[in-house]
Amino acid sequence: MDGPAIDGRTHTFAFGRQLDVRTIRSADFNDGQELTERAVAAYIAKYATKGAETATGALDRPLKFAAELAQLDISDHARRLIRTAWTLGARKDLEHLRLRAWAHMLGFRGHFSTKSRRYSTTLGALRDARAEWRRAQAATANGAAPDTTYVLAHWVFAGTGLSDTEAWLAASLEPAPGTEGEPTHG
């Protein structure tokens, strides 16, 4: 695919041999069985998460210097993608994108599947729904109603005041005369 001219040079972009592009139709899934929204979502999620994990390797923090790339245990492909984002981040016409700050994420700010409140749902809402579902699932597995409150411990009166040892320790920690009210840190 022909790309734009950058700094007077034209670029051609191509995908590697591992590319598998297919139109998603019902015949492509489950030996011709009907295509469901769930099947499409599973297919996309599988390759989106696979791509997100393998593209950047284990780079989970921003770079301070381009020289750090040489020390990282990442693939050559990921190293080139990160270096490209870093290099593009030096261009004045692209500085508003803050590509250097986000080079460790290939220049993309945020989670690869960020959700929008306006058009979809949020990752926080998905986490909350998943947690609620897990609670209900655990309660069902234990044969309990979801609104049941369990007490897993009991209270025992342990006494009041300090023991002799605790009283001695507290007295030994009193401030020396003339030091009351001084700050304990600078």
N, C-alpha and C. Protein backbone atom coordinates (compact mmCIF):
# COMPACT_ATOMS: atom_id res chain seq x y z
N MET A 1 0.86 -1.15 0.00
CA MET A 1 0.00 0.00 0.00
C MET A 1 0.91 1.23 0.00
N ASP A 2 0.64 2.16 -0.88
CA ASP A 2 1.44 3.37 -0.95
C ASP A 2 1.09 4.28 0.22
N GLY A 3 2.13 4.79 0.86
CA GLY A 3 1.95 5.68 1.99
C GLY A 3 2.26 7.11 1.59
N PRO A 4 2.14 8.02 2.53
CA PRO A 4 2.39 9.43 2.24
C PRO A 4 3.88 9.71 2.06
N ALA A 5 4.18 10.82 1.42
CA ALA A 5 5.57 11.27 1.31
C ALA A 5 5.93 11.95 2.63
N ILE A 6 7.01 11.49 3.26
CA ILE A 6 7.47 12.05 4.52
C ILE A 6 8.91 12.50 4.33
N ASP A 7 9.15 13.76 4.60
CA ASP A 7 10.48 14.34 4.42
C ASP A 7 11.03 14.08 3.02
N GLY A 8 10.17 14.17 2.02
CA GLY A 8 10.60 14.02 0.64
C GLY A 8 10.76 12.58 0.17
N ARG A 9 10.53 11.62 1.03
CA ARG A 9 10.65 10.20 0.64
C ARG A 9 9.28 9.56 0.63
N THR A 10 9.02 8.73 -0.37
CA THR A 10 7.76 8.00 -0.40
C THR A 10 7.95 6.67 0.32
N HIS A 11 6.88 6.18 0.88
CA HIS A 11 6.94 4.94 1.65
C HIS A 11 5.86 3.99 1.16
N THR A 12 6.18 2.71 1.18
CA THR A 12 5.21 1.67 0.87
C THR A 12 5.03 0.83 2.12
N PHE A 13 3.79 0.58 2.48
CA PHE A 13 3.49 -0.21 3.67
C PHE A 13 2.96 -1.57 3.24
N ALA A 14 3.41 -2.62 3.94
CA ALA A 14 2.96 -3.97 3.62
C ALA A 14 2.85 -4.77 4.91
N PHE A 15 2.00 -5.77 4.90
CA PHE A 15 1.87 -6.67 6.03
C PHE A 15 2.73 -7.90 5.78
N GLY A 16 3.11 -8.57 6.85
CA GLY A 16 3.94 -9.77 6.73
C GLY A 16 3.15 -10.96 6.22
N ARG A 17 3.83 -12.10 6.14
CA ARG A 17 3.20 -13.32 5.61
C ARG A 17 2.12 -13.87 6.54
N GLN A 18 2.10 -13.44 7.80
CA GLN A 18 1.14 -13.99 8.75
C GLN A 18 -0.24 -13.36 8.63
N LEU A 19 -0.39 -12.44 7.72
CA LEU A 19 -1.67 -11.75 7.56
C LEU A 19 -2.75 -12.72 7.10
N ASP A 20 -3.89 -12.68 7.74
CA ASP A 20 -5.02 -13.52 7.37
C ASP A 20 -6.25 -12.63 7.32
N VAL A 21 -6.58 -12.15 6.14
CA VAL A 21 -7.71 -11.24 5.97
C VAL A 21 -8.86 -12.00 5.34
N ARG A 22 -9.98 -12.00 6.02
CA ARG A 22 -11.18 -12.65 5.49
C ARG A 22 -12.39 -11.80 5.84
N THR A 23 -13.35 -11.78 4.96
CA THR A 23 -14.62 -11.15 5.27
C THR A 23 -15.33 -12.05 6.27
N ILE A 24 -15.90 -11.46 7.30
CA ILE A 24 -16.59 -12.26 8.31
C ILE A 24 -18.01 -12.53 7.83
N ARG A 25 -18.25 -13.79 7.49
CA ARG A 25 -19.58 -14.23 7.07
C ARG A 25 -19.93 -15.47 7.87
N SER A 26 -21.19 -15.80 7.88
CA SER A 26 -21.62 -16.94 8.69
C SER A 26 -20.95 -18.24 8.26
N ALA A 27 -20.64 -18.39 6.99
CA ALA A 27 -20.02 -19.63 6.52
C ALA A 27 -18.58 -19.77 7.02
N ASP A 28 -17.98 -18.67 7.47
CA ASP A 28 -16.60 -18.71 7.93
C ASP A 28 -16.46 -19.28 9.35
N PHE A 29 -17.54 -19.40 10.07
CA PHE A 29 -17.49 -19.85 11.45
C PHE A 29 -18.26 -21.16 11.60
N ASN A 30 -17.78 -21.99 12.50
CA ASN A 30 -18.51 -23.20 12.92
C ASN A 30 -19.02 -24.04 11.76
N ASP A 31 -18.19 -24.28 10.77
CA ASP A 31 -18.54 -25.15 9.64
C ASP A 31 -19.86 -24.76 9.00
N GLY A 32 -20.04 -23.49 8.76
CA GLY A 32 -21.22 -23.02 8.05
C GLY A 32 -22.44 -22.77 8.92
N GLN A 33 -22.32 -22.98 10.23
CA GLN A 33 -23.46 -22.70 11.10
C GLN A 33 -23.67 -21.20 11.19
N GLU A 34 -24.84 -20.81 11.67
CA GLU A 34 -25.20 -19.40 11.72
C GLU A 34 -24.22 -18.59 12.56
N LEU A 35 -23.88 -17.43 12.04
CA LEU A 35 -22.97 -16.51 12.72
C LEU A 35 -23.73 -15.75 13.80
N THR A 36 -23.16 -15.71 14.99
CA THR A 36 -23.80 -14.98 16.09
C THR A 36 -22.92 -13.79 16.47
N GLU A 37 -23.53 -12.82 17.14
CA GLU A 37 -22.76 -11.68 17.64
C GLU A 37 -21.67 -12.15 18.60
N ARG A 38 -21.98 -13.17 19.37
CA ARG A 38 -21.01 -13.69 20.33
C ARG A 38 -19.79 -14.28 19.62
N ALA A 39 -20.01 -14.98 18.50
CA ALA A 39 -18.89 -15.55 17.75
C ALA A 39 -18.00 -14.46 17.17
N VAL A 40 -18.61 -13.41 16.65
CA VAL A 40 -17.83 -12.30 16.10
C VAL A 40 -17.04 -11.62 17.21
N ALA A 41 -17.69 -11.37 18.35
CA ALA A 41 -17.02 -10.73 19.47
C ALA A 41 -15.85 -11.58 19.96
N ALA A 42 -16.04 -12.88 20.04
CA ALA A 42 -14.97 -13.77 20.49
C ALA A 42 -13.79 -13.74 19.51
N TYR A 43 -14.10 -13.75 18.22
CA TYR A 43 -13.07 -13.71 17.18
C TYR A 43 -12.26 -12.43 17.27
N ILE A 44 -12.95 -11.31 17.37
CA ILE A 44 -12.26 -10.01 17.43
C ILE A 44 -11.47 -9.89 18.73
N ALA A 45 -12.07 -10.30 19.85
CA ALA A 45 -11.38 -10.21 21.14
C ALA A 45 -10.11 -11.06 21.15
N LYS A 46 -10.18 -12.24 20.55
CA LYS A 46 -9.02 -13.12 20.52
C LYS A 46 -7.85 -12.45 19.82
N TYR A 47 -8.10 -11.90 18.66
CA TYR A 47 -7.00 -11.32 17.89
C TYR A 47 -6.63 -9.93 18.36
N ALA A 48 -7.56 -9.20 18.94
CA ALA A 48 -7.21 -7.88 19.48
C ALA A 48 -6.30 -8.03 20.68
N THR A 49 -6.63 -8.96 21.59
CA THR A 49 -5.78 -9.14 22.77
C THR A 49 -4.47 -9.80 22.38
N LYS A 50 -4.50 -10.72 21.43
CA LYS A 50 -3.26 -11.34 20.98
C LYS A 50 -2.35 -10.28 20.38
N GLY A 51 -2.91 -9.41 19.58
CA GLY A 51 -2.12 -8.35 18.96
C GLY A 51 -1.59 -7.37 19.98
N ALA A 52 -2.39 -7.03 20.98
CA ALA A 52 -1.96 -6.06 21.99
C ALA A 52 -0.84 -6.63 22.84
N GLU A 53 -0.90 -7.91 23.16
CA GLU A 53 0.12 -8.51 24.00
C GLU A 53 1.42 -8.76 23.25
N THR A 54 1.33 -9.19 22.00
CA THR A 54 2.54 -9.55 21.28
C THR A 54 3.21 -8.36 20.61
N ALA A 55 2.47 -7.31 20.33
CA ALA A 55 3.06 -6.17 19.63
C ALA A 55 4.05 -5.42 20.51
N THR A 56 3.70 -5.19 21.75
CA THR A 56 4.56 -4.37 22.60
C THR A 56 5.40 -5.20 23.55
N GLY A 57 5.21 -6.49 23.60
CA GLY A 57 5.98 -7.29 24.55
C GLY A 57 5.58 -6.94 25.96
N ALA A 58 6.55 -6.80 26.84
CA ALA A 58 6.26 -6.52 28.25
C ALA A 58 6.61 -5.09 28.61
N LEU A 59 6.57 -4.17 27.68
CA LEU A 59 6.95 -2.78 27.93
C LEU A 59 5.78 -2.08 28.59
N ASP A 60 5.88 -1.85 29.89
CA ASP A 60 4.76 -1.32 30.65
C ASP A 60 5.03 0.05 31.25
N ARG A 61 6.04 0.74 30.76
CA ARG A 61 6.35 2.07 31.29
C ARG A 61 6.89 2.94 30.16
N PRO A 62 6.74 4.24 30.28
CA PRO A 62 7.27 5.15 29.25
C PRO A 62 8.80 5.13 29.22
N LEU A 63 9.34 5.46 28.07
CA LEU A 63 10.79 5.58 27.91
C LEU A 63 11.23 6.99 28.28
N LYS A 64 12.41 7.10 28.85
CA LYS A 64 12.99 8.43 29.09
C LYS A 64 13.97 8.79 27.99
N PHE A 65 14.65 7.77 27.45
CA PHE A 65 15.64 7.97 26.41
C PHE A 65 15.49 6.87 25.36
N ALA A 66 15.76 7.20 24.11
CA ALA A 66 15.68 6.21 23.04
C ALA A 66 16.70 5.10 23.26
N ALA A 67 17.80 5.41 23.91
CA ALA A 67 18.85 4.41 24.15
C ALA A 67 18.35 3.25 25.01
N GLU A 68 17.29 3.46 25.77
CA GLU A 68 16.74 2.38 26.61
C GLU A 68 16.27 1.21 25.77
N LEU A 69 15.91 1.46 24.52
CA LEU A 69 15.39 0.40 23.66
C LEU A 69 16.37 -0.75 23.51
N ALA A 70 17.66 -0.45 23.50
CA ALA A 70 18.67 -1.49 23.32
C ALA A 70 18.68 -2.48 24.48
N GLN A 71 18.25 -2.05 25.66
CA GLN A 71 18.30 -2.89 26.85
C GLN A 71 17.03 -3.71 27.06
N LEU A 72 15.98 -3.42 26.31
CA LEU A 72 14.69 -4.05 26.55
C LEU A 72 14.61 -5.43 25.93
N ASP A 73 13.95 -6.33 26.63
CA ASP A 73 13.75 -7.69 26.14
C ASP A 73 12.44 -7.74 25.35
N ILE A 74 12.48 -7.20 24.14
CA ILE A 74 11.31 -7.18 23.26
C ILE A 74 11.73 -7.63 21.87
N SER A 75 10.76 -7.94 21.04
CA SER A 75 11.07 -8.39 19.69
C SER A 75 11.63 -7.24 18.86
N ASP A 76 12.35 -7.58 17.79
CA ASP A 76 12.87 -6.55 16.89
C ASP A 76 11.73 -5.75 16.28
N HIS A 77 10.63 -6.43 16.00
CA HIS A 77 9.46 -5.75 15.42
C HIS A 77 8.93 -4.69 16.38
N ALA A 78 8.75 -5.07 17.64
CA ALA A 78 8.25 -4.11 18.64
C ALA A 78 9.25 -2.97 18.81
N ARG A 79 10.54 -3.30 18.80
CA ARG A 79 11.57 -2.27 18.94
C ARG A 79 11.47 -1.25 17.80
N ARG A 80 11.26 -1.73 16.56
CA ARG A 80 11.12 -0.82 15.42
C ARG A 80 9.87 0.04 15.54
N LEU A 81 8.78 -0.55 15.98
CA LEU A 81 7.54 0.22 16.14
C LEU A 81 7.71 1.31 17.20
N ILE A 82 8.34 0.97 18.30
CA ILE A 82 8.55 1.95 19.38
C ILE A 82 9.51 3.04 18.91
N ARG A 83 10.59 2.65 18.21
CA ARG A 83 11.55 3.64 17.71
C ARG A 83 10.88 4.58 16.71
N THR A 84 9.99 4.05 15.88
CA THR A 84 9.28 4.88 14.91
C THR A 84 8.41 5.91 15.63
N ALA A 85 7.68 5.48 16.65
CA ALA A 85 6.86 6.42 17.42
C ALA A 85 7.75 7.47 18.07
N TRP A 86 8.90 7.05 18.60
CA TRP A 86 9.84 7.98 19.24
C TRP A 86 10.35 9.00 18.22
N THR A 87 10.74 8.51 17.04
CA THR A 87 11.29 9.39 16.00
C THR A 87 10.23 10.38 15.51
N LEU A 88 9.03 9.89 15.27
CA LEU A 88 7.95 10.78 14.83
C LEU A 88 7.60 11.80 15.91
N GLY A 89 7.80 11.43 17.16
CA GLY A 89 7.52 12.34 18.27
C GLY A 89 8.42 13.56 18.30
N ALA A 90 9.53 13.53 17.58
CA ALA A 90 10.45 14.67 17.53
C ALA A 90 10.01 15.71 16.50
N ARG A 91 9.06 15.37 15.66
CA ARG A 91 8.62 16.30 14.60
C ARG A 91 7.70 17.37 15.19
N LYS A 92 7.97 18.61 14.82
CA LYS A 92 7.17 19.75 15.30
C LYS A 92 5.70 19.60 14.92
N ASP A 93 5.44 19.14 13.69
CA ASP A 93 4.05 19.05 13.23
C ASP A 93 3.28 17.93 13.93
N LEU A 94 3.96 17.07 14.67
CA LEU A 94 3.29 15.97 15.37
C LEU A 94 3.41 16.07 16.90
N GLU A 95 4.02 17.14 17.39
CA GLU A 95 4.28 17.21 18.84
C GLU A 95 3.00 17.20 19.67
N HIS A 96 1.88 17.68 19.11
CA HIS A 96 0.62 17.67 19.85
C HIS A 96 0.13 16.25 20.15
N LEU A 97 0.66 15.26 19.43
CA LEU A 97 0.27 13.87 19.66
C LEU A 97 1.03 13.22 20.82
N ARG A 98 2.12 13.89 21.28
CA ARG A 98 2.93 13.38 22.38
C ARG A 98 3.38 11.93 22.15
N LEU A 99 3.87 11.67 20.94
CA LEU A 99 4.26 10.31 20.57
C LEU A 99 5.42 9.78 21.40
N ARG A 100 6.32 10.65 21.82
CA ARG A 100 7.43 10.16 22.65
C ARG A 100 6.92 9.70 24.02
N ALA A 101 5.98 10.42 24.57
CA ALA A 101 5.43 10.03 25.87
C ALA A 101 4.72 8.68 25.78
N TRP A 102 4.19 8.38 24.59
CA TRP A 102 3.43 7.15 24.40
C TRP A 102 4.13 6.16 23.48
N ALA A 103 5.43 6.34 23.24
CA ALA A 103 6.16 5.42 22.36
C ALA A 103 6.09 3.99 22.87
N HIS A 104 6.12 3.80 24.19
CA HIS A 104 6.05 2.45 24.76
C HIS A 104 4.73 1.76 24.43
N MET A 105 3.72 2.54 24.05
CA MET A 105 2.43 1.99 23.63
C MET A 105 2.25 2.17 22.13
N LEU A 106 3.38 2.23 21.41
CA LEU A 106 3.40 2.39 19.96
C LEU A 106 2.77 3.71 19.53
N GLY A 107 2.79 4.69 20.41
CA GLY A 107 2.25 6.01 20.10
C GLY A 107 0.77 6.15 20.39
N PHE A 108 0.13 5.07 20.79
CA PHE A 108 -1.31 5.11 21.05
C PHE A 108 -1.54 5.38 22.53
N ARG A 109 -2.29 6.42 22.82
CA ARG A 109 -2.57 6.78 24.21
C ARG A 109 -3.79 6.01 24.69
N GLY A 110 -3.59 5.09 25.58
CA GLY A 110 -4.72 4.41 26.18
C GLY A 110 -4.75 2.93 25.90
N HIS A 111 -5.75 2.29 26.42
CA HIS A 111 -5.96 0.86 26.27
C HIS A 111 -6.37 0.57 24.84
N PHE A 112 -5.93 -0.57 24.30
CA PHE A 112 -6.22 -0.87 22.91
C PHE A 112 -7.72 -0.98 22.63
N SER A 113 -8.51 -1.23 23.66
CA SER A 113 -9.96 -1.36 23.43
C SER A 113 -10.74 -0.40 24.31
N THR A 114 -10.27 0.82 24.40
CA THR A 114 -10.94 1.82 25.22
C THR A 114 -12.40 1.95 24.80
N LYS A 115 -13.27 2.05 25.77
CA LYS A 115 -14.69 2.17 25.50
C LYS A 115 -15.13 3.61 25.70
N SER A 116 -16.20 4.00 25.04
CA SER A 116 -16.71 5.36 25.13
C SER A 116 -18.09 5.33 25.76
N ARG A 117 -18.32 6.19 26.75
CA ARG A 117 -19.64 6.26 27.39
C ARG A 117 -20.71 6.63 26.36
N ARG A 118 -20.33 7.44 25.39
CA ARG A 118 -21.30 7.92 24.43
C ARG A 118 -21.72 6.84 23.43
N TYR A 119 -20.78 6.02 23.02
CA TYR A 119 -21.08 5.05 21.96
C TYR A 119 -21.13 3.61 22.43
N SER A 120 -20.65 3.33 23.62
CA SER A 120 -20.59 1.94 24.05
C SER A 120 -20.73 1.88 25.57
N THR A 121 -19.79 1.26 26.21
CA THR A 121 -19.74 1.18 27.66
C THR A 121 -18.32 1.51 28.07
N THR A 122 -18.04 1.49 29.35
CA THR A 122 -16.68 1.79 29.81
C THR A 122 -16.05 0.53 30.37
N LEU A 123 -14.73 0.52 30.43
CA LEU A 123 -14.04 -0.62 31.02
C LEU A 123 -14.40 -0.76 32.49
N GLY A 124 -14.61 0.36 33.19
CA GLY A 124 -15.04 0.31 34.59
C GLY A 124 -16.40 -0.35 34.73
N ALA A 125 -17.33 -0.01 33.84
CA ALA A 125 -18.66 -0.64 33.88
C ALA A 125 -18.55 -2.13 33.60
N LEU A 126 -17.67 -2.51 32.69
CA LEU A 126 -17.47 -3.94 32.42
C LEU A 126 -16.88 -4.66 33.63
N ARG A 127 -15.90 -4.03 34.31
CA ARG A 127 -15.32 -4.62 35.52
C ARG A 127 -16.38 -4.79 36.59
N ASP A 128 -17.22 -3.76 36.80
CA ASP A 128 -18.27 -3.83 37.82
C ASP A 128 -19.26 -4.95 37.50
N ALA A 129 -19.66 -5.04 36.23
CA ALA A 129 -20.61 -6.08 35.83
C ALA A 129 -19.99 -7.47 36.02
N ARG A 130 -18.71 -7.61 35.68
CA ARG A 130 -18.03 -8.90 35.85
C ARG A 130 -17.95 -9.27 37.32
N ALA A 131 -17.63 -8.30 38.19
CA ALA A 131 -17.53 -8.57 39.63
C ALA A 131 -18.89 -8.98 40.19
N GLU A 132 -19.95 -8.30 39.78
CA GLU A 132 -21.29 -8.65 40.24
C GLU A 132 -21.67 -10.05 39.77
N TRP A 133 -21.35 -10.36 38.52
CA TRP A 133 -21.66 -11.68 37.97
C TRP A 133 -20.91 -12.75 38.75
N ARG A 134 -19.62 -12.50 39.08
CA ARG A 134 -18.84 -13.47 39.85
C ARG A 134 -19.42 -13.67 41.25
N ARG A 135 -19.86 -12.58 41.89
CA ARG A 135 -20.48 -12.70 43.22
C ARG A 135 -21.74 -13.56 43.14
N ALA A 136 -22.57 -13.30 42.14
CA ALA A 136 -23.80 -14.08 41.98
C ALA A 136 -23.48 -15.54 41.68
N GLN A 137 -22.46 -15.75 40.85
CA GLN A 137 -22.06 -17.11 40.49
C GLN A 137 -21.56 -17.86 41.73
N ALA A 138 -20.76 -17.21 42.56
CA ALA A 138 -20.24 -17.85 43.78
C ALA A 138 -21.38 -18.14 44.75
N ALA A 139 -22.31 -17.21 44.88
CA ALA A 139 -23.44 -17.42 45.79
C ALA A 139 -24.30 -18.59 45.33
N THR A 140 -24.51 -18.70 44.03
CA THR A 140 -25.31 -19.80 43.48
C THR A 140 -24.59 -21.13 43.70
N ALA A 141 -23.28 -21.14 43.50
CA ALA A 141 -22.50 -22.37 43.69
C ALA A 141 -22.54 -22.82 45.14
N ASN A 142 -22.61 -21.87 46.07
CA ASN A 142 -22.66 -22.21 47.49
C ASN A 142 -24.08 -22.44 47.97
N GLY A 143 -25.05 -22.30 47.09
CA GLY A 143 -26.44 -22.51 47.45
C GLY A 143 -27.03 -21.39 48.28
N ALA A 144 -26.46 -20.21 48.22
CA ALA A 144 -26.94 -19.10 49.03
C ALA A 144 -27.65 -18.07 48.16
N ALA A 145 -28.58 -17.38 48.76
CA ALA A 145 -29.25 -16.28 48.06
C ALA A 145 -28.29 -15.11 47.96
N PRO A 146 -28.32 -14.34 46.85
CA PRO A 146 -27.36 -13.24 46.69
C PRO A 146 -27.46 -12.15 47.76
N ASP A 147 -28.61 -12.00 48.43
CA ASP A 147 -28.76 -10.94 49.42
C ASP A 147 -28.42 -11.41 50.84
N THR A 148 -27.95 -12.63 50.99
CA THR A 148 -27.61 -13.15 52.31
C THR A 148 -26.31 -12.54 52.80
N THR A 149 -26.28 -12.17 54.08
CA THR A 149 -25.06 -11.65 54.69
C THR A 149 -24.48 -12.73 55.58
N TYR A 150 -23.24 -13.06 55.34
CA TYR A 150 -22.56 -14.07 56.14
C TYR A 150 -21.65 -13.40 57.15
N VAL A 151 -21.58 -13.96 58.35
CA VAL A 151 -20.62 -13.52 59.35
C VAL A 151 -19.57 -14.62 59.42
N LEU A 152 -18.35 -14.28 59.02
CA LEU A 152 -17.30 -15.28 58.94
C LEU A 152 -16.36 -15.25 60.15
N ALA A 153 -16.63 -14.41 61.10
CA ALA A 153 -15.79 -14.31 62.29
C ALA A 153 -16.68 -14.02 63.49
N HIS A 154 -16.13 -14.11 64.67
CA HIS A 154 -16.90 -13.76 65.87
C HIS A 154 -16.05 -12.82 66.71
N TRP A 155 -16.72 -12.05 67.55
CA TRP A 155 -16.04 -11.07 68.38
C TRP A 155 -15.91 -11.61 69.79
N VAL A 156 -14.78 -11.36 70.42
CA VAL A 156 -14.53 -11.76 71.80
C VAL A 156 -13.95 -10.55 72.52
N PHE A 157 -14.48 -10.26 73.72
CA PHE A 157 -13.97 -9.13 74.49
C PHE A 157 -12.55 -9.45 74.94
N ALA A 158 -11.60 -8.56 74.60
CA ALA A 158 -10.20 -8.79 74.93
C ALA A 158 -9.75 -7.97 76.12
N GLY A 159 -10.52 -6.98 76.55
CA GLY A 159 -10.13 -6.18 77.70
C GLY A 159 -10.07 -4.71 77.34
N THR A 160 -9.74 -3.88 78.33
CA THR A 160 -9.61 -2.44 78.11
C THR A 160 -8.26 -1.97 78.62
N GLY A 161 -7.83 -0.84 78.12
CA GLY A 161 -6.58 -0.26 78.59
C GLY A 161 -5.36 -0.99 78.06
N LEU A 162 -4.20 -0.61 78.62
CA LEU A 162 -2.94 -1.18 78.19
C LEU A 162 -2.44 -2.19 79.20
N SER A 163 -1.76 -3.20 78.72
CA SER A 163 -1.09 -4.13 79.63
C SER A 163 0.11 -3.40 80.24
N ASP A 164 0.74 -4.01 81.24
CA ASP A 164 1.91 -3.37 81.87
C ASP A 164 3.00 -3.10 80.83
N THR A 165 3.25 -4.04 79.96
CA THR A 165 4.29 -3.88 78.94
C THR A 165 3.92 -2.77 77.96
N GLU A 166 2.65 -2.72 77.55
CA GLU A 166 2.21 -1.67 76.62
C GLU A 166 2.28 -0.30 77.28
N ALA A 167 1.93 -0.22 78.58
CA ALA A 167 2.01 1.06 79.30
C ALA A 167 3.46 1.53 79.39
N TRP A 168 4.41 0.59 79.68
CA TRP A 168 5.83 0.95 79.74
C TRP A 168 6.31 1.46 78.38
N LEU A 169 5.92 0.78 77.29
CA LEU A 169 6.33 1.19 75.95
C LEU A 169 5.78 2.57 75.61
N ALA A 170 4.51 2.81 75.92
CA ALA A 170 3.91 4.12 75.64
C ALA A 170 4.63 5.22 76.42
N ALA A 171 4.97 4.96 77.69
CA ALA A 171 5.66 5.96 78.50
C ALA A 171 7.06 6.23 77.96
N SER A 172 7.71 5.20 77.45
CA SER A 172 9.07 5.40 76.94
C SER A 172 9.08 6.15 75.61
N LEU A 173 7.96 6.24 74.96
CA LEU A 173 7.87 6.95 73.69
C LEU A 173 7.45 8.40 73.85
N GLU A 174 7.23 8.85 75.08
CA GLU A 174 6.84 10.24 75.30
C GLU A 174 7.97 11.15 74.86
N PRO A 175 7.66 12.33 74.32
CA PRO A 175 8.73 13.23 73.88
C PRO A 175 9.55 13.74 75.06
N ALA A 176 10.79 13.98 74.79
CA ALA A 176 11.67 14.53 75.83
C ALA A 176 11.21 15.93 76.18
N PRO A 177 11.47 16.38 77.42
CA PRO A 177 11.05 17.74 77.81
C PRO A 177 11.62 18.78 76.85
N GLY A 178 10.80 19.72 76.47
CA GLY A 178 11.22 20.79 75.57
C GLY A 178 11.08 20.46 74.09
N THR A 179 10.66 19.23 73.78
CA THR A 179 10.52 18.87 72.36
C THR A 179 9.06 18.74 71.94
N GLU A 180 8.13 18.98 72.86
CA GLU A 180 6.72 18.85 72.52
C GLU A 180 6.37 19.81 71.39
N GLY A 181 5.62 19.33 70.44
CA GLY A 181 5.14 20.18 69.36
C GLY A 181 6.12 20.33 68.21
N GLU A 182 7.32 19.75 68.31
CA GLU A 182 8.25 19.84 67.19
C GLU A 182 7.82 18.88 66.09
N PRO A 183 8.02 19.28 64.84
CA PRO A 183 7.64 18.37 63.75
C PRO A 183 8.52 17.13 63.75
N THR A 184 7.94 16.02 63.34
CA THR A 184 8.69 14.77 63.31
C THR A 184 9.32 14.52 61.95
N HIS A 185 9.00 15.36 60.98
CA HIS A 185 9.61 15.20 59.65
C HIS A 185 9.84 16.58 59.06
N GLY A 186 10.78 16.67 58.11
CA GLY A 186 11.17 17.95 57.55
C GLY A 186 10.44 18.36 56.39
